[in-house]
Amino acid sequence: MRCLICKDEKMENSCTTYFAQMSNCYVIIENVPCMKCPQCGEGLFNSSVLEKIEDILESLEKIASKIFIMDYLRAA
């Protein structure tokens, strides 16, 4: 897999933190699996991780107030 930013071809399995601004709150999801570029740090998510993030955001939108921090591994 090639990095979309710097074009390096050595993407590595890693974890990152995902930030989202929703209409009523900010959400931080920690330990999200990704492919990360060792050169520039850009992270890419596969489709199953993105689907799980969408599920998490949909469920939090109903209960979150201002800032919500969640661990991906506990939600997955």
C-alpha atoms as a PDB file:
ATOM      1  CA  MET A   1       0.000   0.000   0.000  1.00  0.00           C
ATOM      2  CA  ARG A   2       1.268   3.468  -0.883  1.00  0.00           C
ATOM      3  CA  CYS A   3       0.887   6.624   1.246  1.00  0.00           C
ATOM      4  CA  LEU A   4      -1.521   9.113  -0.322  1.00  0.00           C
ATOM      5  CA  ILE A   5       0.446  12.089   1.015  1.00  0.00           C
ATOM      6  CA  CYS A   6       4.170  11.390   0.521  1.00  0.00           C
ATOM      7  CA  LYS A   7       3.907   8.330  -1.780  1.00  0.00           C
ATOM      8  CA  ASP A   8       6.116   6.186   0.481  1.00  0.00           C
ATOM      9  CA  GLU A   9       5.432   2.485  -0.132  1.00  0.00           C
ATOM     10  CA  LYS A  10       6.135   1.212   3.400  1.00  0.00           C
ATOM     11  CA  MET A  11       2.821   1.532   5.227  1.00  0.00           C
ATOM     12  CA  GLU A  12       2.825  -0.253   8.598  1.00  0.00           C
ATOM     13  CA  ASN A  13       0.082  -1.700  10.810  1.00  0.00           C
ATOM     14  CA  SER A  14      -0.474   0.711  13.666  1.00  0.00           C
ATOM     15  CA  CYS A  15      -3.092   2.493  15.774  1.00  0.00           C
ATOM     16  CA  THR A  16      -4.086   6.143  15.818  1.00  0.00           C
ATOM     17  CA  THR A  17      -6.568   8.516  17.410  1.00  0.00           C
ATOM     18  CA  TYR A  18      -9.663   9.519  15.417  1.00  0.00           C
ATOM     19  CA  PHE A  19     -11.234  12.961  15.969  1.00  0.00           C
ATOM     20  CA  ALA A  20     -14.739  13.919  14.863  1.00  0.00           C
ATOM     21  CA  GLN A  21     -16.781  17.089  15.297  1.00  0.00           C
ATOM     22  CA  MET A  22     -20.484  16.339  15.400  1.00  0.00           C
ATOM     23  CA  SER A  23     -23.434  18.692  15.662  1.00  0.00           C
ATOM     24  CA  ASN A  24     -23.657  18.494  19.461  1.00  0.00           C
ATOM     25  CA  CYS A  25     -20.218  17.282  20.576  1.00  0.00           C
ATOM     26  CA  TYR A  26     -16.609  16.403  19.828  1.00  0.00           C
ATOM     27  CA  VAL A  27     -15.629  12.728  19.760  1.00  0.00           C
ATOM     28  CA  ILE A  28     -12.162  11.273  20.262  1.00  0.00           C
ATOM     29  CA  ILE A  29     -11.740   7.549  19.557  1.00  0.00           C
ATOM     30  CA  GLU A  30      -8.417   6.165  20.748  1.00  0.00           C
ATOM     31  CA  ASN A  31      -6.509   3.077  19.546  1.00  0.00           C
ATOM     32  CA  VAL A  32      -8.120   2.901  16.103  1.00  0.00           C
ATOM     33  CA  PRO A  33      -6.360   0.330  13.869  1.00  0.00           C
ATOM     34  CA  CYS A  34      -4.855   1.791  10.707  1.00  0.00           C
ATOM     35  CA  MET A  35      -2.057   1.561   8.193  1.00  0.00           C
ATOM     36  CA  LYS A  36       0.384   4.366   9.053  1.00  0.00           C
ATOM     37  CA  CYS A  37       3.156   5.857   6.959  1.00  0.00           C
ATOM     38  CA  PRO A  38       6.456   5.817   8.890  1.00  0.00           C
ATOM     39  CA  GLN A  39       7.719   8.787   6.885  1.00  0.00           C
ATOM     40  CA  CYS A  40       4.907  11.359   7.239  1.00  0.00           C
ATOM     41  CA  GLY A  41       2.588   9.738   9.803  1.00  0.00           C
ATOM     42  CA  GLU A  42      -0.507   9.695   7.583  1.00  0.00           C
ATOM     43  CA  GLY A  43      -2.993   7.017   8.644  1.00  0.00           C
ATOM     44  CA  LEU A  44      -5.364   5.071   6.392  1.00  0.00           C
ATOM     45  CA  PHE A  45      -8.374   3.074   7.628  1.00  0.00           C
ATOM     46  CA  ASN A  46      -9.786  -0.045   5.968  1.00  0.00           C
ATOM     47  CA  SER A  47     -13.498  -0.263   5.207  1.00  0.00           C
ATOM     48  CA  SER A  48     -14.424  -2.428   8.222  1.00  0.00           C
ATOM     49  CA  VAL A  49     -12.774   0.046  10.610  1.00  0.00           C
ATOM     50  CA  LEU A  50     -14.582   2.956   8.935  1.00  0.00           C
ATOM     51  CA  GLU A  51     -17.904   1.120   9.256  1.00  0.00           C
ATOM     52  CA  LYS A  52     -17.267   0.546  12.969  1.00  0.00           C
ATOM     53  CA  ILE A  53     -16.346   4.218  13.437  1.00  0.00           C
ATOM     54  CA  GLU A  54     -19.648   5.199  11.772  1.00  0.00           C
ATOM     55  CA  ASP A  55     -21.531   2.853  14.127  1.00  0.00           C
ATOM     56  CA  ILE A  56     -19.760   4.346  17.138  1.00  0.00           C
ATOM     57  CA  LEU A  57     -20.506   7.913  16.018  1.00  0.00           C
ATOM     58  CA  GLU A  58     -24.183   7.131  15.384  1.00  0.00           C
ATOM     59  CA  SER A  59     -24.612   5.658  18.845  1.00  0.00           C
ATOM     60  CA  LEU A  60     -22.732   8.504  20.552  1.00  0.00           C
ATOM     61  CA  GLU A  61     -24.652  11.229  18.777  1.00  0.00           C
ATOM     62  CA  LYS A  62     -27.705  10.318  20.851  1.00  0.00           C
ATOM     63  CA  ILE A  63     -25.964  10.352  24.245  1.00  0.00           C
ATOM     64  CA  ALA A  64     -22.907  12.635  24.082  1.00  0.00           C
ATOM     65  CA  SER A  65     -23.038  16.184  25.377  1.00  0.00           C
ATOM     66  CA  LYS A  66     -19.792  18.081  24.679  1.00  0.00           C
ATOM     67  CA  ILE A  67     -16.703  15.870  24.542  1.00  0.00           C
ATOM     68  CA  PHE A  68     -16.672  12.096  24.452  1.00  0.00           C
ATOM     69  CA  ILE A  69     -13.509   9.960  24.503  1.00  0.00           C
ATOM     70  CA  MET A  70     -13.799   6.265  23.664  1.00  0.00           C
ATOM     71  CA  ASP A  71     -11.363   3.402  23.187  1.00  0.00           C
ATOM     72  CA  TYR A  72     -11.901   1.644  19.833  1.00  0.00           C
ATOM     73  CA  LEU A  73     -10.844  -1.743  21.226  1.00  0.00           C
ATOM     74  CA  ARG A  74     -13.589  -1.648  23.863  1.00  0.00           C
ATOM     75  CA  ALA A  75     -16.241  -0.639  21.319  1.00  0.00           C
ATOM     76  CA  ALA A  76     -15.249  -3.056  18.551  1.00  0.00           C
END
